[in-house]
PDB file of N, CA and C in Angstrom:
ATOM      1  N   UNK A   1     213.861 119.254 -44.278  1.00  0.00           N
ATOM      2  CA  UNK A   1     212.545 118.912 -44.546  1.00  0.00           C
ATOM      3  C   UNK A   1     211.975 118.952 -46.036  1.00  0.00           C
ATOM      4  N   UNK A   2     211.312 118.085 -46.363  1.00  0.00           N
ATOM      5  CA  UNK A   2     210.933 118.441 -47.676  1.00  0.00           C
ATOM      6  C   UNK A   2     210.247 119.447 -48.172  1.00  0.00           C
ATOM      7  N   UNK A   3     209.961 119.733 -49.447  1.00  0.00           N
ATOM      8  CA  UNK A   3     209.430 121.314 -50.007  1.00  0.00           C
ATOM      9  C   UNK A   3     207.916 120.924 -49.776  1.00  0.00           C
ATOM     10  N   UNK A   4     207.256 122.346 -49.710  1.00  0.00           N
ATOM     11  CA  UNK A   4     205.844 122.369 -49.679  1.00  0.00           C
ATOM     12  C   UNK A   4     205.191 121.569 -50.870  1.00  0.00           C
ATOM     13  N   UNK A   5     205.566 121.591 -52.137  1.00  0.00           N
ATOM     14  CA  UNK A   5     204.918 120.800 -53.047  1.00  0.00           C
ATOM     15  C   UNK A   5     204.947 119.511 -52.921  1.00  0.00           C
ATOM     16  N   UNK A   6     206.220 118.737 -52.238  1.00  0.00           N
ATOM     17  CA  UNK A   6     206.406 117.416 -51.841  1.00  0.00           C
ATOM     18  C   UNK A   6     205.109 116.724 -51.087  1.00  0.00           C
ATOM     19  N   UNK A   7     204.842 117.778 -49.962  1.00  0.00           N
ATOM     20  CA  UNK A   7     203.887 117.332 -48.959  1.00  0.00           C
ATOM     21  C   UNK A   7     202.261 117.548 -49.652  1.00  0.00           C
ATOM     22  N   UNK A   8     202.273 118.675 -50.512  1.00  0.00           N
ATOM     23  CA  UNK A   8     200.831 118.983 -51.406  1.00  0.00           C
ATOM     24  C   UNK A   8     200.538 117.618 -52.162  1.00  0.00           C
ATOM     25  N   UNK A   9     201.790 117.473 -52.714  1.00  0.00           N
ATOM     26  CA  UNK A   9     201.585 116.407 -53.844  1.00  0.00           C
ATOM     27  C   UNK A   9     200.788 114.695 -53.084  1.00  0.00           C
ATOM     28  N   UNK A  10     201.771 114.725 -51.756  1.00  0.00           N
ATOM     29  CA  UNK A  10     201.209 113.427 -51.457  1.00  0.00           C
ATOM     30  C   UNK A  10     199.841 113.352 -50.657  1.00  0.00           C
ATOM     31  N   UNK A  11     199.557 114.595 -50.169  1.00  0.00           N
ATOM     32  CA  UNK A  11     198.126 114.590 -49.712  1.00  0.00           C
ATOM     33  C   UNK A  11     197.193 114.654 -50.802  1.00  0.00           C
ATOM     34  N   UNK A  12     197.319 115.140 -52.334  1.00  0.00           N
ATOM     35  CA  UNK A  12     196.623 114.915 -53.270  1.00  0.00           C
ATOM     36  C   UNK A  12     196.321 113.511 -53.691  1.00  0.00           C
ATOM     37  N   UNK A  13     197.644 112.761 -53.382  1.00  0.00           N
ATOM     38  CA  UNK A  13     197.397 111.435 -53.987  1.00  0.00           C
ATOM     39  C   UNK A  13     196.621 110.470 -52.860  1.00  0.00           C
ATOM     40  N   UNK A  14     196.464 110.679 -51.858  1.00  0.00           N
ATOM     41  CA  UNK A  14     195.765 110.043 -50.748  1.00  0.00           C
ATOM     42  C   UNK A  14     194.766 110.636 -50.084  1.00  0.00           C
ATOM     43  N   UNK A  15     194.038 111.860 -50.625  1.00  0.00           N
ATOM     44  CA  UNK A  15     193.184 112.587 -49.967  1.00  0.00           C
ATOM     45  C   UNK A  15     191.982 111.800 -49.932  1.00  0.00           C
ATOM     46  N   UNK A  16     191.391 111.822 -48.818  1.00  0.00           N
ATOM     47  CA  UNK A  16     190.058 111.366 -48.676  1.00  0.00           C
ATOM     48  C   UNK A  16     190.409 109.751 -48.183  1.00  0.00           C
ATOM     49  N   UNK A  17     191.475 109.231 -48.173  1.00  0.00           N
ATOM     50  CA  UNK A  17     191.590 107.897 -48.187  1.00  0.00           C
ATOM     51  C   UNK A  17     191.995 107.873 -46.300  1.00  0.00           C
ATOM     52  N   UNK A  18     191.505 106.516 -46.077  1.00  0.00           N
ATOM     53  CA  UNK A  18     191.933 105.738 -44.485  1.00  0.00           C
ATOM     54  C   UNK A  18     193.590 105.905 -44.604  1.00  0.00           C
ATOM     55  N   UNK A  19     194.114 106.443 -43.506  1.00  0.00           N
ATOM     56  CA  UNK A  19     195.746 106.268 -43.448  1.00  0.00           C
ATOM     57  C   UNK A  19     195.899 106.179 -41.642  1.00  0.00           C
ATOM     58  N   UNK A  20     196.921 105.558 -41.571  1.00  0.00           N
ATOM     59  CA  UNK A  20     197.570 105.585 -40.193  1.00  0.00           C
ATOM     60  C   UNK A  20     198.320 106.684 -39.823  1.00  0.00           C
ATOM     61  N   UNK A  21     197.808 107.424 -38.648  1.00  0.00           N
ATOM     62  CA  UNK A  21     198.685 108.457 -38.254  1.00  0.00           C
ATOM     63  C   UNK A  21     198.880 107.969 -36.564  1.00  0.00           C
ATOM     64  N   UNK A  22     200.235 107.477 -36.533  1.00  0.00           N
ATOM     65  CA  UNK A  22     200.580 106.869 -35.547  1.00  0.00           C
ATOM     66  C   UNK A  22     200.149 105.174 -35.602  1.00  0.00           C
ATOM     67  N   UNK A  23     199.262 105.176 -34.409  1.00  0.00           N
ATOM     68  CA  UNK A  23     198.667 104.007 -34.164  1.00  0.00           C
ATOM     69  C   UNK A  23     197.220 104.037 -34.383  1.00  0.00           C
ATOM     70  N   UNK A  24     196.747 105.117 -35.165  1.00  0.00           N
ATOM     71  CA  UNK A  24     195.264 105.267 -35.140  1.00  0.00           C
ATOM     72  C   UNK A  24     194.815 105.376 -36.751  1.00  0.00           C
ATOM     73  N   UNK A  25     193.852 104.768 -37.192  1.00  0.00           N
ATOM     74  CA  UNK A  25     193.114 104.729 -38.489  1.00  0.00           C
ATOM     75  C   UNK A  25     192.264 106.134 -38.628  1.00  0.00           C
ATOM     76  N   UNK A  26     192.953 107.126 -39.471  1.00  0.00           N
ATOM     77  CA  UNK A  26     192.228 108.401 -39.434  1.00  0.00           C
ATOM     78  C   UNK A  26     191.596 108.613 -41.071  1.00  0.00           C
ATOM     79  N   UNK A  27     191.339 109.531 -41.345  1.00  0.00           N
ATOM     80  CA  UNK A  27     190.962 110.025 -42.850  1.00  0.00           C
ATOM     81  C   UNK A  27     191.826 111.169 -43.013  1.00  0.00           C
ATOM     82  N   UNK A  28     192.507 111.126 -44.433  1.00  0.00           N
ATOM     83  CA  UNK A  28     193.344 112.237 -44.521  1.00  0.00           C
ATOM     84  C   UNK A  28     192.574 113.053 -45.345  1.00  0.00           C
ATOM     85  N   UNK A  29     192.412 114.577 -44.766  1.00  0.00           N
ATOM     86  CA  UNK A  29     191.212 115.508 -45.389  1.00  0.00           C
ATOM     87  C   UNK A  29     191.940 117.038 -45.931  1.00  0.00           C
ATOM     88  N   UNK A  30     193.171 117.008 -45.789  1.00  0.00           N
ATOM     89  CA  UNK A  30     193.879 118.297 -46.329  1.00  0.00           C
ATOM     90  C   UNK A  30     195.092 118.186 -45.984  1.00  0.00           C
ATOM     91  N   UNK A  31     195.682 119.564 -46.454  1.00  0.00           N
ATOM     92  CA  UNK A  31     197.170 120.112 -46.046  1.00  0.00           C
ATOM     93  C   UNK A  31     196.738 121.449 -45.770  1.00  0.00           C
ATOM     94  N   UNK A  32     197.863 121.932 -44.644  1.00  0.00           N
ATOM     95  CA  UNK A  32     197.785 123.339 -44.427  1.00  0.00           C
ATOM     96  C   UNK A  32     198.937 123.773 -44.287  1.00  0.00           C
ATOM     97  N   UNK A  33     199.267 125.220 -44.762  1.00  0.00           N
ATOM     98  CA  UNK A  33     200.689 125.644 -44.627  1.00  0.00           C
ATOM     99  C   UNK A  33     200.418 126.679 -43.538  1.00  0.00           C
ATOM    100  N   UNK A  34     201.120 126.366 -42.428  1.00  0.00           N
ATOM    101  CA  UNK A  34     201.054 127.047 -41.329  1.00  0.00           C
ATOM    102  C   UNK A  34     202.255 128.402 -41.144  1.00  0.00           C
ATOM    103  N   UNK A  35     202.194 129.208 -40.329  1.00  0.00           N
ATOM    104  CA  UNK A  35     203.221 130.335 -40.239  1.00  0.00           C
ATOM    105  C   UNK A  35     204.671 129.427 -40.280  1.00  0.00           C
ATOM    106  N   UNK A  36     204.629 128.443 -39.057  1.00  0.00           N
ATOM    107  CA  UNK A  36     206.183 127.743 -39.033  1.00  0.00           C
ATOM    108  C   UNK A  36     206.114 126.369 -39.325  1.00  0.00           C
ATOM    109  N   UNK A  37     205.213 125.942 -39.864  1.00  0.00           N
ATOM    110  CA  UNK A  37     205.184 124.374 -40.407  1.00  0.00           C
ATOM    111  C   UNK A  37     204.242 124.272 -41.122  1.00  0.00           C
ATOM    112  N   UNK A  38     204.206 123.051 -41.882  1.00  0.00           N
ATOM    113  CA  UNK A  38     203.228 122.297 -42.736  1.00  0.00           C
ATOM    114  C   UNK A  38     202.606 121.291 -41.897  1.00  0.00           C
ATOM    115  N   UNK A  39     201.178 121.059 -42.178  1.00  0.00           N
ATOM    116  CA  UNK A  39     200.344 120.232 -41.316  1.00  0.00           C
ATOM    117  C   UNK A  39     199.409 119.473 -42.105  1.00  0.00           C
ATOM    118  N   UNK A  40     199.474 118.332 -41.965  1.00  0.00           N
ATOM    119  CA  UNK A  40     198.330 117.054 -42.524  1.00  0.00           C
ATOM    120  C   UNK A  40     196.984 117.628 -41.772  1.00  0.00           C
ATOM    121  N   UNK A  41     195.960 117.418 -42.312  1.00  0.00           N
ATOM    122  CA  UNK A  41     194.590 117.667 -41.636  1.00  0.00           C
ATOM    123  C   UNK A  41     194.040 116.148 -41.866  1.00  0.00           C
ATOM    124  N   UNK A  42     193.762 115.803 -40.499  1.00  0.00           N
ATOM    125  CA  UNK A  42     192.744 114.550 -40.550  1.00  0.00           C
ATOM    126  C   UNK A  42     191.503 114.496 -39.742  1.00  0.00           C
ATOM    127  N   UNK A  43     190.885 113.414 -39.912  1.00  0.00           N
ATOM    128  CA  UNK A  43     189.544 113.286 -39.343  1.00  0.00           C
ATOM    129  C   UNK A  43     189.649 112.036 -38.495  1.00  0.00           C
ATOM    130  N   UNK A  44     189.273 112.080 -37.064  1.00  0.00           N
ATOM    131  CA  UNK A  44     189.257 110.694 -36.448  1.00  0.00           C
ATOM    132  C   UNK A  44     187.896 110.803 -36.012  1.00  0.00           C
ATOM    133  N   UNK A  45     187.250 109.445 -35.522  1.00  0.00           N
ATOM    134  CA  UNK A  45     186.057 109.543 -35.072  1.00  0.00           C
ATOM    135  C   UNK A  45     185.744 110.841 -33.680  1.00  0.00           C
ATOM    136  N   UNK A  46     184.309 110.846 -33.890  1.00  0.00           N
ATOM    137  CA  UNK A  46     184.088 112.329 -32.689  1.00  0.00           C
ATOM    138  C   UNK A  46     184.517 112.188 -31.525  1.00  0.00           C
ATOM    139  N   UNK A  47     185.092 112.875 -30.713  1.00  0.00           N
ATOM    140  CA  UNK A  47     185.321 113.073 -29.460  1.00  0.00           C
ATOM    141  C   UNK A  47     185.235 114.260 -28.735  1.00  0.00           C
ATOM    142  N   UNK A  48     184.112 114.909 -29.538  1.00  0.00           N
ATOM    143  CA  UNK A  48     183.794 116.257 -28.743  1.00  0.00           C
ATOM    144  C   UNK A  48     184.521 117.378 -29.638  1.00  0.00           C
ATOM    145  N   UNK A  49     185.941 117.649 -29.257  1.00  0.00           N
ATOM    146  CA  UNK A  49     186.334 118.820 -29.540  1.00  0.00           C
ATOM    147  C   UNK A  49     186.775 118.637 -31.169  1.00  0.00           C
ATOM    148  N   UNK A  50     186.490 119.829 -31.790  1.00  0.00           N
ATOM    149  CA  UNK A  50     186.900 119.999 -33.249  1.00  0.00           C
ATOM    150  C   UNK A  50     186.141 118.904 -34.017  1.00  0.00           C
ATOM    151  N   UNK A  51     184.986 118.172 -33.765  1.00  0.00           N
ATOM    152  CA  UNK A  51     184.192 117.108 -34.056  1.00  0.00           C
ATOM    153  C   UNK A  51     185.444 116.241 -34.969  1.00  0.00           C
ATOM    154  N   UNK A  52     186.520 115.866 -34.218  1.00  0.00           N
ATOM    155  CA  UNK A  52     187.507 114.755 -34.465  1.00  0.00           C
ATOM    156  C   UNK A  52     188.422 115.528 -35.498  1.00  0.00           C
ATOM    157  N   UNK A  53     188.045 116.425 -35.944  1.00  0.00           N
ATOM    158  CA  UNK A  53     189.496 116.957 -36.896  1.00  0.00           C
ATOM    159  C   UNK A  53     190.569 117.615 -35.974  1.00  0.00           C
ATOM    160  N   UNK A  54     191.779 117.182 -36.614  1.00  0.00           N
ATOM    161  CA  UNK A  54     193.186 117.526 -36.129  1.00  0.00           C
ATOM    162  C   UNK A  54     194.115 117.822 -37.100  1.00  0.00           C
ATOM    163  N   UNK A  55     195.298 118.526 -36.869  1.00  0.00           N
ATOM    164  CA  UNK A  55     196.313 118.982 -37.580  1.00  0.00           C
ATOM    165  C   UNK A  55     197.205 118.212 -36.821  1.00  0.00           C
ATOM    166  N   UNK A  56     198.371 117.364 -37.847  1.00  0.00           N
ATOM    167  CA  UNK A  56     199.185 116.908 -37.405  1.00  0.00           C
ATOM    168  C   UNK A  56     200.655 117.329 -38.172  1.00  0.00           C
ATOM    169  N   UNK A  57     201.893 117.651 -37.726  1.00  0.00           N
ATOM    170  CA  UNK A  57     203.037 118.366 -38.332  1.00  0.00           C
ATOM    171  C   UNK A  57     203.253 117.449 -39.198  1.00  0.00           C
ATOM    172  N   UNK A  58     203.833 117.754 -40.400  1.00  0.00           N
ATOM    173  CA  UNK A  58     204.321 117.168 -41.466  1.00  0.00           C
ATOM    174  C   UNK A  58     205.533 116.766 -41.390  1.00  0.00           C
ATOM    175  N   UNK A  59     206.362 117.076 -39.896  1.00  0.00           N
ATOM    176  CA  UNK A  59     207.416 116.335 -39.624  1.00  0.00           C
ATOM    177  C   UNK A  59     207.300 114.797 -39.388  1.00  0.00           C
ATOM    178  N   UNK A  60     206.197 114.259 -38.921  1.00  0.00           N
ATOM    179  CA  UNK A  60     206.014 112.879 -38.930  1.00  0.00           C
ATOM    180  C   UNK A  60     205.227 112.956 -40.217  1.00  0.00           C
ATOM    181  N   UNK A  61     205.044 111.184 -40.537  1.00  0.00           N
ATOM    182  CA  UNK A  61     204.147 111.023 -41.799  1.00  0.00           C
ATOM    183  C   UNK A  61     203.126 110.271 -41.571  1.00  0.00           C
ATOM    184  N   UNK A  62     202.285 109.740 -42.373  1.00  0.00           N
ATOM    185  CA  UNK A  62     201.369 108.565 -42.374  1.00  0.00           C
ATOM    186  C   UNK A  62     201.631 107.553 -43.358  1.00  0.00           C
ATOM    187  N   UNK A  63     200.484 106.636 -42.970  1.00  0.00           N
ATOM    188  CA  UNK A  63     200.715 105.372 -43.818  1.00  0.00           C
ATOM    189  C   UNK A  63     199.478 105.266 -44.567  1.00  0.00           C
ATOM    190  N   UNK A  64     199.288 104.995 -45.709  1.00  0.00           N
ATOM    191  CA  UNK A  64     198.268 104.982 -46.727  1.00  0.00           C
ATOM    192  C   UNK A  64     197.960 103.683 -46.036  1.00  0.00           C
ATOM    193  N   UNK A  65     196.358 103.133 -46.097  1.00  0.00           N
ATOM    194  CA  UNK A  65     196.048 101.716 -45.799  1.00  0.00           C
ATOM    195  C   UNK A  65     195.328 101.419 -47.278  1.00  0.00           C
ATOM    196  N   UNK A  66     194.981 102.419 -48.302  1.00  0.00           N
ATOM    197  CA  UNK A  66     194.371 101.602 -49.245  1.00  0.00           C
ATOM    198  C   UNK A  66     195.465 101.061 -50.374  1.00  0.00           C
ATOM    199  N   UNK A  67     195.137  99.991 -50.578  1.00  0.00           N
ATOM    200  CA  UNK A  67     196.223  98.959 -51.224  1.00  0.00           C
ATOM    201  C   UNK A  67     197.056  98.342 -50.452  1.00  0.00           C
ATOM    202  N   UNK A  68     197.090  98.357 -49.037  1.00  0.00           N
ATOM    203  CA  UNK A  68     197.995  97.561 -48.357  1.00  0.00           C
ATOM    204  C   UNK A  68     197.333  96.650 -47.337  1.00  0.00           C
ATOM    205  N   UNK A  69     195.958  96.789 -47.252  1.00  0.00           N
ATOM    206  CA  UNK A  69     195.347  95.710 -46.557  1.00  0.00           C
ATOM    207  C   UNK A  69     194.086  95.441 -47.667  1.00  0.00           C
ATOM    208  N   UNK A  70     193.603  94.507 -47.476  1.00  0.00           N
ATOM    209  CA  UNK A  70     192.653  93.594 -48.354  1.00  0.00           C
ATOM    210  C   UNK A  70     191.340  94.571 -48.691  1.00  0.00           C
ATOM    211  N   UNK A  71     190.828  94.480 -49.942  1.00  0.00           N
ATOM    212  CA  UNK A  71     189.988  95.506 -50.416  1.00  0.00           C
ATOM    213  C   UNK A  71     188.940  95.798 -49.192  1.00  0.00           C
ATOM    214  N   UNK A  72     188.317  94.413 -49.294  1.00  0.00           N
ATOM    215  CA  UNK A  72     187.063  94.032 -48.361  1.00  0.00           C
ATOM    216  C   UNK A  72     187.359  94.562 -46.832  1.00  0.00           C
ATOM    217  N   UNK A  73     188.556  94.568 -46.363  1.00  0.00           N
ATOM    218  CA  UNK A  73     188.770  95.038 -45.204  1.00  0.00           C
ATOM    219  C   UNK A  73     188.662  96.582 -45.307  1.00  0.00           C
ATOM    220  N   UNK A  74     189.500  97.329 -46.075  1.00  0.00           N
ATOM    221  CA  UNK A  74     189.571  98.412 -46.237  1.00  0.00           C
ATOM    222  C   UNK A  74     187.888  99.350 -46.445  1.00  0.00           C
ATOM    223  N   UNK A  75     187.131  98.563 -47.276  1.00  0.00           N
ATOM    224  CA  UNK A  75     185.820  99.276 -47.307  1.00  0.00           C
ATOM    225  C   UNK A  75     185.253  98.884 -45.867  1.00  0.00           C
ATOM    226  N   UNK A  76     185.208  97.754 -45.228  1.00  0.00           N
ATOM    227  CA  UNK A  76     184.766  97.890 -43.736  1.00  0.00           C
ATOM    228  C   UNK A  76     185.237  98.820 -43.118  1.00  0.00           C
ATOM    229  N   UNK A  77     186.586  99.074 -42.988  1.00  0.00           N
ATOM    230  CA  UNK A  77     187.082 100.170 -42.171  1.00  0.00           C
ATOM    231  C   UNK A  77     186.517 101.552 -42.381  1.00  0.00           C
ATOM    232  N   UNK A  78     185.984 101.862 -43.659  1.00  0.00           N
ATOM    233  CA  UNK A  78     185.670 103.089 -44.094  1.00  0.00           C
ATOM    234  C   UNK A  78     183.994 103.119 -43.676  1.00  0.00           C
ATOM    235  N   UNK A  79     183.395 101.938 -43.521  1.00  0.00           N
ATOM    236  CA  UNK A  79     181.926 101.896 -43.268  1.00  0.00           C
ATOM    237  C   UNK A  79     181.686 102.095 -41.697  1.00  0.00           C
ATOM    238  N   UNK A  80     182.719 101.775 -41.129  1.00  0.00           N
ATOM    239  CA  UNK A  80     182.583 101.830 -39.860  1.00  0.00           C
ATOM    240  C   UNK A  80     183.216 103.213 -39.231  1.00  0.00           C
ATOM    241  N   UNK A  81     183.860 103.637 -40.013  1.00  0.00           N
ATOM    242  CA  UNK A  81     184.431 105.105 -39.465  1.00  0.00           C
ATOM    243  C   UNK A  81     183.380 105.995 -39.883  1.00  0.00           C
ATOM    244  N   UNK A  82     182.681 105.773 -41.193  1.00  0.00           N
ATOM    245  CA  UNK A  82     181.766 106.809 -41.508  1.00  0.00           C
ATOM    246  C   UNK A  82     180.474 106.790 -40.310  1.00  0.00           C
ATOM    247  N   UNK A  83     180.274 105.642 -39.710  1.00  0.00           N
ATOM    248  CA  UNK A  83     179.262 105.467 -38.878  1.00  0.00           C
ATOM    249  C   UNK A  83     179.651 106.261 -37.614  1.00  0.00           C
ATOM    250  N   UNK A  84     180.925 106.422 -37.412  1.00  0.00           N
ATOM    251  CA  UNK A  84     181.259 106.952 -35.909  1.00  0.00           C
ATOM    252  C   UNK A  84     181.698 108.581 -36.258  1.00  0.00           C
ATOM    253  N   UNK A  85     181.347 109.140 -37.418  1.00  0.00           N
ATOM    254  CA  UNK A  85     181.485 110.467 -37.130  1.00  0.00           C
ATOM    255  C   UNK A  85     180.139 111.379 -37.653  1.00  0.00           C
ATOM    256  N   UNK A  86     180.345 112.531 -37.514  1.00  0.00           N
ATOM    257  CA  UNK A  86     179.184 113.778 -37.287  1.00  0.00           C
ATOM    258  C   UNK A  86     178.535 113.321 -38.691  1.00  0.00           C
ATOM    259  N   UNK A  87     177.075 113.512 -38.694  1.00  0.00           N
ATOM    260  CA  UNK A  87     176.539 113.748 -40.144  1.00  0.00           C
ATOM    261  C   UNK A  87     177.029 114.568 -40.875  1.00  0.00           C
ATOM    262  N   UNK A  88     176.947 115.845 -39.901  1.00  0.00           N
ATOM    263  CA  UNK A  88     177.316 117.082 -40.913  1.00  0.00           C
ATOM    264  C   UNK A  88     178.894 116.888 -41.435  1.00  0.00           C
ATOM    265  N   UNK A  89     179.531 116.283 -41.183  1.00  0.00           N
ATOM    266  CA  UNK A  89     180.758 116.339 -41.685  1.00  0.00           C
ATOM    267  C   UNK A  89     181.030 115.113 -42.666  1.00  0.00           C
ATOM    268  N   UNK A  90     180.209 114.293 -42.833  1.00  0.00           N
ATOM    269  CA  UNK A  90     180.244 113.101 -43.508  1.00  0.00           C
ATOM    270  C   UNK A  90     180.377 113.429 -45.069  1.00  0.00           C
ATOM    271  N   UNK A  91     179.493 114.494 -45.467  1.00  0.00           N
ATOM    272  CA  UNK A  91     179.313 114.862 -46.954  1.00  0.00           C
ATOM    273  C   UNK A  91     180.665 115.810 -47.267  1.00  0.00           C
ATOM    274  N   UNK A  92     181.297 116.393 -46.257  1.00  0.00           N
ATOM    275  CA  UNK A  92     182.360 117.698 -46.431  1.00  0.00           C
ATOM    276  C   UNK A  92     183.155 116.968 -47.680  1.00  0.00           C
ATOM    277  N   UNK A  93     183.514 118.015 -48.509  1.00  0.00           N
ATOM    278  CA  UNK A  93     184.692 118.100 -49.445  1.00  0.00           C
ATOM    279  C   UNK A  93     186.231 118.164 -48.769  1.00  0.00           C
ATOM    280  N   UNK A  94     187.245 117.424 -49.141  1.00  0.00           N
ATOM    281  CA  UNK A  94     188.685 117.493 -48.722  1.00  0.00           C
ATOM    282  C   UNK A  94     189.166 118.665 -49.164  1.00  0.00           C
ATOM    283  N   UNK A  95     189.841 119.272 -48.474  1.00  0.00           N
ATOM    284  CA  UNK A  95     190.731 120.653 -49.286  1.00  0.00           C
ATOM    285  C   UNK A  95     192.084 120.589 -49.186  1.00  0.00           C
ATOM    286  N   UNK A  96     192.879 121.253 -49.960  1.00  0.00           N
ATOM    287  CA  UNK A  96     194.593 121.730 -49.896  1.00  0.00           C
ATOM    288  C   UNK A  96     194.354 122.999 -49.272  1.00  0.00           C
ATOM    289  N   UNK A  97     194.695 123.443 -48.310  1.00  0.00           N
ATOM    290  CA  UNK A  97     194.665 124.920 -47.995  1.00  0.00           C
ATOM    291  C   UNK A  97     196.191 125.342 -48.272  1.00  0.00           C
TER     292      UNK A  97
END
């Protein structure tokens, strides 16, 4: 497995961007060093629990979308995503934990 620094640097590079986690477009919000694993912190559209925030093991990766799809399409994805998340989390700062 890659080092903690590798994951932290990858998250810093794409922090706040829309990425693919599996087949879902989510926003990368941070990194967490758990007791037994490292985790990416993602935000998805609200589905009740945790206001759409979840942790995903760094054993899997994510695909950054910025620069991979047309700029206008990326901006539209962000706009629609922001319409579907809670008002109280829209302005939150992303963090590396």
